[in-house]
Amino acid sequence: MTDTMTTTDAATWAMLHEEAVSAMGRAYAPYSGYPVGAAALVDDGRVVTGCNVENAAYGVALCAECGLVSELVNSGGGRLVAFACVNAHGEAISPCGRCRQVLMEHGGPGLQLAMPGGTMTMEEVLPGAFARGDLDEVRDDIQEDM
């Protein structure tokens, strides 16, 4: 685990936590009863948030992380630099594997995450991630063969 203060200061982490708790309060979770909120700092200083939005057809529910990334893209894009996600008790929770992949795409290996055990980088929580470079490498090889 990395030191919380290496890139993001305590005040920023506290602000992200508050924003995540606020987003969690807007979650729509009538089926699981497990509201989730997320907040992240973007490289240009913006803060983006998301909350889970459930659906009677469980498979089409939206997670907080995906809502956050949608807001990121819709509000001008950029790279995520620090991310926090909380449950109904305001406790830090870990993104699932799917969400780790989504966050990797928009934050990269250096994205800092507030995890239950402390701050970690995306590289630490998703080692060996599949990323854009993997696609580019194969496409470049195929185009050279054509």
C-alpha atoms as a PDB file:
ATOM      1  CA  MET A   1       0.000   0.000   0.000  1.00  0.00           C
ATOM      2  CA  THR A   2       1.118   3.516  -0.674  1.00  0.00           C
ATOM      3  CA  ASP A   3       1.197   6.377   1.776  1.00  0.00           C
ATOM      4  CA  THR A   4      -2.016   8.402   1.654  1.00  0.00           C
ATOM      5  CA  MET A   5      -0.063  11.658   1.549  1.00  0.00           C
ATOM      6  CA  THR A   6       2.194  10.865  -1.421  1.00  0.00           C
ATOM      7  CA  THR A   7       0.064  12.548  -4.067  1.00  0.00           C
ATOM      8  CA  THR A   8      -3.287  13.405  -2.537  1.00  0.00           C
ATOM      9  CA  ASP A   9      -3.453  15.266   0.774  1.00  0.00           C
ATOM     10  CA  ALA A  10      -5.705  14.462   3.725  1.00  0.00           C
ATOM     11  CA  ALA A  11      -8.039  17.392   3.001  1.00  0.00           C
ATOM     12  CA  THR A  12      -8.645  16.119  -0.538  1.00  0.00           C
ATOM     13  CA  TRP A  13      -9.351  12.593   0.705  1.00  0.00           C
ATOM     14  CA  ALA A  14     -11.780  14.012   3.290  1.00  0.00           C
ATOM     15  CA  MET A  15     -13.550  16.050   0.601  1.00  0.00           C
ATOM     16  CA  LEU A  16     -13.807  13.006  -1.692  1.00  0.00           C
ATOM     17  CA  HIS A  17     -15.200  10.968   1.187  1.00  0.00           C
ATOM     18  CA  GLU A  18     -17.850  13.635   1.880  1.00  0.00           C
ATOM     19  CA  GLU A  19     -18.780  13.798  -1.817  1.00  0.00           C
ATOM     20  CA  ALA A  20     -19.055   9.990  -1.963  1.00  0.00           C
ATOM     21  CA  VAL A  21     -21.288   9.946   1.132  1.00  0.00           C
ATOM     22  CA  SER A  22     -23.464  12.654  -0.455  1.00  0.00           C
ATOM     23  CA  ALA A  23     -23.745  10.664  -3.693  1.00  0.00           C
ATOM     24  CA  MET A  24     -24.565   7.527  -1.689  1.00  0.00           C
ATOM     25  CA  GLY A  25     -27.504   9.441  -0.213  1.00  0.00           C
ATOM     26  CA  ARG A  26     -28.947   9.781  -3.730  1.00  0.00           C
ATOM     27  CA  ALA A  27     -28.548   6.098  -4.635  1.00  0.00           C
ATOM     28  CA  TYR A  28     -31.549   4.123  -5.833  1.00  0.00           C
ATOM     29  CA  ALA A  29     -31.194   0.734  -4.156  1.00  0.00           C
ATOM     30  CA  PRO A  30     -34.692  -0.642  -3.414  1.00  0.00           C
ATOM     31  CA  TYR A  31     -33.748  -4.261  -4.184  1.00  0.00           C
ATOM     32  CA  SER A  32     -30.407  -4.812  -2.470  1.00  0.00           C
ATOM     33  CA  GLY A  33     -30.802  -2.150   0.204  1.00  0.00           C
ATOM     34  CA  TYR A  34     -27.091  -1.444  -0.343  1.00  0.00           C
ATOM     35  CA  PRO A  35     -26.609   2.157  -1.484  1.00  0.00           C
ATOM     36  CA  VAL A  36     -23.180   3.074  -2.822  1.00  0.00           C
ATOM     37  CA  GLY A  37     -21.644   6.451  -3.588  1.00  0.00           C
ATOM     38  CA  ALA A  38     -18.405   7.282  -5.348  1.00  0.00           C
ATOM     39  CA  ALA A  39     -16.377  10.432  -5.903  1.00  0.00           C
ATOM     40  CA  ALA A  40     -13.154  11.093  -7.772  1.00  0.00           C
ATOM     41  CA  LEU A  41     -10.757  13.922  -8.437  1.00  0.00           C
ATOM     42  CA  VAL A  42      -9.996  14.607 -12.103  1.00  0.00           C
ATOM     43  CA  ASP A  43      -6.591  15.787 -13.311  1.00  0.00           C
ATOM     44  CA  ASP A  44      -8.034  19.255 -14.094  1.00  0.00           C
ATOM     45  CA  GLY A  45      -9.345  19.706 -10.526  1.00  0.00           C
ATOM     46  CA  ARG A  46     -12.976  18.775 -11.143  1.00  0.00           C
ATOM     47  CA  VAL A  47     -14.746  16.311  -8.864  1.00  0.00           C
ATOM     48  CA  VAL A  48     -17.090  13.746 -10.397  1.00  0.00           C
ATOM     49  CA  THR A  49     -19.530  11.553  -8.489  1.00  0.00           C
ATOM     50  CA  GLY A  50     -21.790   8.569  -9.030  1.00  0.00           C
ATOM     51  CA  CYS A  51     -24.269   6.394  -7.178  1.00  0.00           C
ATOM     52  CA  ASN A  52     -25.731   2.984  -7.822  1.00  0.00           C
ATOM     53  CA  VAL A  53     -29.069   2.827  -9.638  1.00  0.00           C
ATOM     54  CA  GLU A  54     -30.789  -0.550  -9.369  1.00  0.00           C
ATOM     55  CA  ASN A  55     -33.420  -2.031 -11.643  1.00  0.00           C
ATOM     56  CA  ALA A  56     -36.074  -4.721 -11.251  1.00  0.00           C
ATOM     57  CA  ALA A  57     -34.133  -6.584 -13.948  1.00  0.00           C
ATOM     58  CA  TYR A  58     -31.057  -6.977 -11.737  1.00  0.00           C
ATOM     59  CA  GLY A  59     -28.579  -7.395 -14.596  1.00  0.00           C
ATOM     60  CA  VAL A  60     -29.209  -3.888 -15.902  1.00  0.00           C
ATOM     61  CA  ALA A  61     -28.470  -2.111 -12.630  1.00  0.00           C
ATOM     62  CA  LEU A  62     -25.856   0.639 -12.776  1.00  0.00           C
ATOM     63  CA  CYS A  63     -23.024   0.790 -10.280  1.00  0.00           C
ATOM     64  CA  ALA A  64     -21.706   3.976  -8.691  1.00  0.00           C
ATOM     65  CA  GLU A  65     -18.353   3.685 -10.440  1.00  0.00           C
ATOM     66  CA  CYS A  66     -19.957   3.517 -13.888  1.00  0.00           C
ATOM     67  CA  GLY A  67     -22.138   6.521 -13.062  1.00  0.00           C
ATOM     68  CA  LEU A  68     -19.016   8.403 -12.015  1.00  0.00           C
ATOM     69  CA  VAL A  69     -17.182   7.539 -15.243  1.00  0.00           C
ATOM     70  CA  SER A  70     -20.239   8.564 -17.252  1.00  0.00           C
ATOM     71  CA  GLU A  71     -20.194  11.960 -15.513  1.00  0.00           C
ATOM     72  CA  LEU A  72     -16.444  12.217 -16.194  1.00  0.00           C
ATOM     73  CA  VAL A  73     -16.885  11.673 -19.920  1.00  0.00           C
ATOM     74  CA  ASN A  74     -20.045  13.787 -20.148  1.00  0.00           C
ATOM     75  CA  SER A  75     -18.409  16.728 -18.362  1.00  0.00           C
ATOM     76  CA  GLY A  76     -15.325  16.947 -20.557  1.00  0.00           C
ATOM     77  CA  GLY A  77     -13.239  13.838 -19.955  1.00  0.00           C
ATOM     78  CA  GLY A  78      -9.824  13.843 -18.365  1.00  0.00           C
ATOM     79  CA  ARG A  79      -8.011  11.369 -16.149  1.00  0.00           C
ATOM     80  CA  LEU A  80      -9.063  10.268 -12.685  1.00  0.00           C
ATOM     81  CA  VAL A  81      -6.316  10.800 -10.098  1.00  0.00           C
ATOM     82  CA  ALA A  82      -7.960   9.911  -6.751  1.00  0.00           C
ATOM     83  CA  PHE A  83     -11.076   7.798  -6.099  1.00  0.00           C
ATOM     84  CA  ALA A  84     -13.236   7.023  -3.058  1.00  0.00           C
ATOM     85  CA  CYS A  85     -16.263   4.724  -2.786  1.00  0.00           C
ATOM     86  CA  VAL A  86     -18.454   4.216   0.296  1.00  0.00           C
ATOM     87  CA  ASN A  87     -21.326   2.094   1.581  1.00  0.00           C
ATOM     88  CA  ALA A  88     -24.353   3.231   3.619  1.00  0.00           C
ATOM     89  CA  HIS A  89     -22.194   3.464   6.758  1.00  0.00           C
ATOM     90  CA  GLY A  90     -19.749   5.799   5.018  1.00  0.00           C
ATOM     91  CA  GLU A  91     -17.075   3.092   5.070  1.00  0.00           C
ATOM     92  CA  ALA A  92     -14.582   2.720   2.231  1.00  0.00           C
ATOM     93  CA  ILE A  93     -15.404  -0.244  -0.005  1.00  0.00           C
ATOM     94  CA  SER A  94     -13.484  -1.965  -2.781  1.00  0.00           C
ATOM     95  CA  PRO A  95     -14.611  -1.669  -6.386  1.00  0.00           C
ATOM     96  CA  CYS A  96     -15.492  -5.043  -7.916  1.00  0.00           C
ATOM     97  CA  GLY A  97     -13.341  -6.483 -10.697  1.00  0.00           C
ATOM     98  CA  ARG A  98     -15.523  -5.025 -13.452  1.00  0.00           C
ATOM     99  CA  CYS A  99     -15.362  -1.584 -11.890  1.00  0.00           C
ATOM    100  CA  ARG A 100     -11.600  -1.836 -11.414  1.00  0.00           C
ATOM    101  CA  GLN A 101     -11.302  -2.371 -15.165  1.00  0.00           C
ATOM    102  CA  VAL A 102     -13.548   0.656 -15.859  1.00  0.00           C
ATOM    103  CA  LEU A 103     -11.517   2.811 -13.455  1.00  0.00           C
ATOM    104  CA  MET A 104      -8.238   1.610 -15.015  1.00  0.00           C
ATOM    105  CA  GLU A 105      -9.424   2.826 -18.426  1.00  0.00           C
ATOM    106  CA  HIS A 106     -10.067   6.330 -17.106  1.00  0.00           C
ATOM    107  CA  GLY A 107      -7.367   6.670 -14.447  1.00  0.00           C
ATOM    108  CA  GLY A 108      -4.537   4.354 -15.382  1.00  0.00           C
ATOM    109  CA  PRO A 109      -2.130   2.476 -13.154  1.00  0.00           C
ATOM    110  CA  GLY A 110      -1.307   5.523 -11.000  1.00  0.00           C
ATOM    111  CA  LEU A 111      -4.918   6.254  -9.975  1.00  0.00           C
ATOM    112  CA  GLN A 112      -5.086   6.316  -6.176  1.00  0.00           C
ATOM    113  CA  LEU A 113      -7.982   4.499  -4.510  1.00  0.00           C
ATOM    114  CA  ALA A 114      -9.175   4.798  -0.912  1.00  0.00           C
ATOM    115  CA  MET A 115      -9.494   1.099  -0.076  1.00  0.00           C
ATOM    116  CA  PRO A 116     -10.711  -0.445   3.214  1.00  0.00           C
ATOM    117  CA  GLY A 117      -7.107  -1.065   4.287  1.00  0.00           C
ATOM    118  CA  GLY A 118      -5.676   2.267   3.104  1.00  0.00           C
ATOM    119  CA  THR A 119      -4.689   4.024  -0.092  1.00  0.00           C
ATOM    120  CA  MET A 120      -3.572   1.875  -3.016  1.00  0.00           C
ATOM    121  CA  THR A 121      -2.801   2.538  -6.659  1.00  0.00           C
ATOM    122  CA  MET A 122      -4.822   0.976  -9.442  1.00  0.00           C
ATOM    123  CA  GLU A 123      -1.732  -1.006 -10.392  1.00  0.00           C
ATOM    124  CA  GLU A 124      -1.816  -2.558  -6.918  1.00  0.00           C
ATOM    125  CA  VAL A 125      -5.536  -3.425  -6.984  1.00  0.00           C
ATOM    126  CA  LEU A 126      -5.552  -4.617 -10.610  1.00  0.00           C
ATOM    127  CA  PRO A 127      -2.115  -6.008 -11.438  1.00  0.00           C
ATOM    128  CA  GLY A 128      -1.605  -7.075 -15.018  1.00  0.00           C
ATOM    129  CA  ALA A 129      -4.628  -5.104 -16.213  1.00  0.00           C
ATOM    130  CA  PHE A 130      -5.842  -5.365 -19.783  1.00  0.00           C
ATOM    131  CA  ALA A 131      -5.581  -1.868 -21.245  1.00  0.00           C
ATOM    132  CA  ARG A 132      -5.660   0.155 -24.455  1.00  0.00           C
ATOM    133  CA  GLY A 133      -2.002  -0.663 -25.146  1.00  0.00           C
ATOM    134  CA  ASP A 134      -2.887  -4.355 -25.393  1.00  0.00           C
ATOM    135  CA  LEU A 135      -5.403  -3.570 -28.142  1.00  0.00           C
ATOM    136  CA  ASP A 136      -3.073  -1.182 -29.962  1.00  0.00           C
ATOM    137  CA  GLU A 137      -0.270  -3.751 -30.003  1.00  0.00           C
ATOM    138  CA  VAL A 138      -2.427  -6.398 -31.675  1.00  0.00           C
ATOM    139  CA  ARG A 139      -3.998  -3.940 -34.131  1.00  0.00           C
ATOM    140  CA  ASP A 140      -0.561  -2.654 -35.121  1.00  0.00           C
ATOM    141  CA  ASP A 141       0.680  -6.222 -35.668  1.00  0.00           C
ATOM    142  CA  ILE A 142      -2.357  -7.124 -37.788  1.00  0.00           C
ATOM    143  CA  GLN A 143      -2.074  -3.954 -39.896  1.00  0.00           C
ATOM    144  CA  GLU A 144       1.625  -4.667 -40.549  1.00  0.00           C
ATOM    145  CA  ASP A 145       0.704  -8.160 -41.796  1.00  0.00           C
ATOM    146  CA  MET A 146      -1.871  -6.813 -44.252  1.00  0.00           C
END
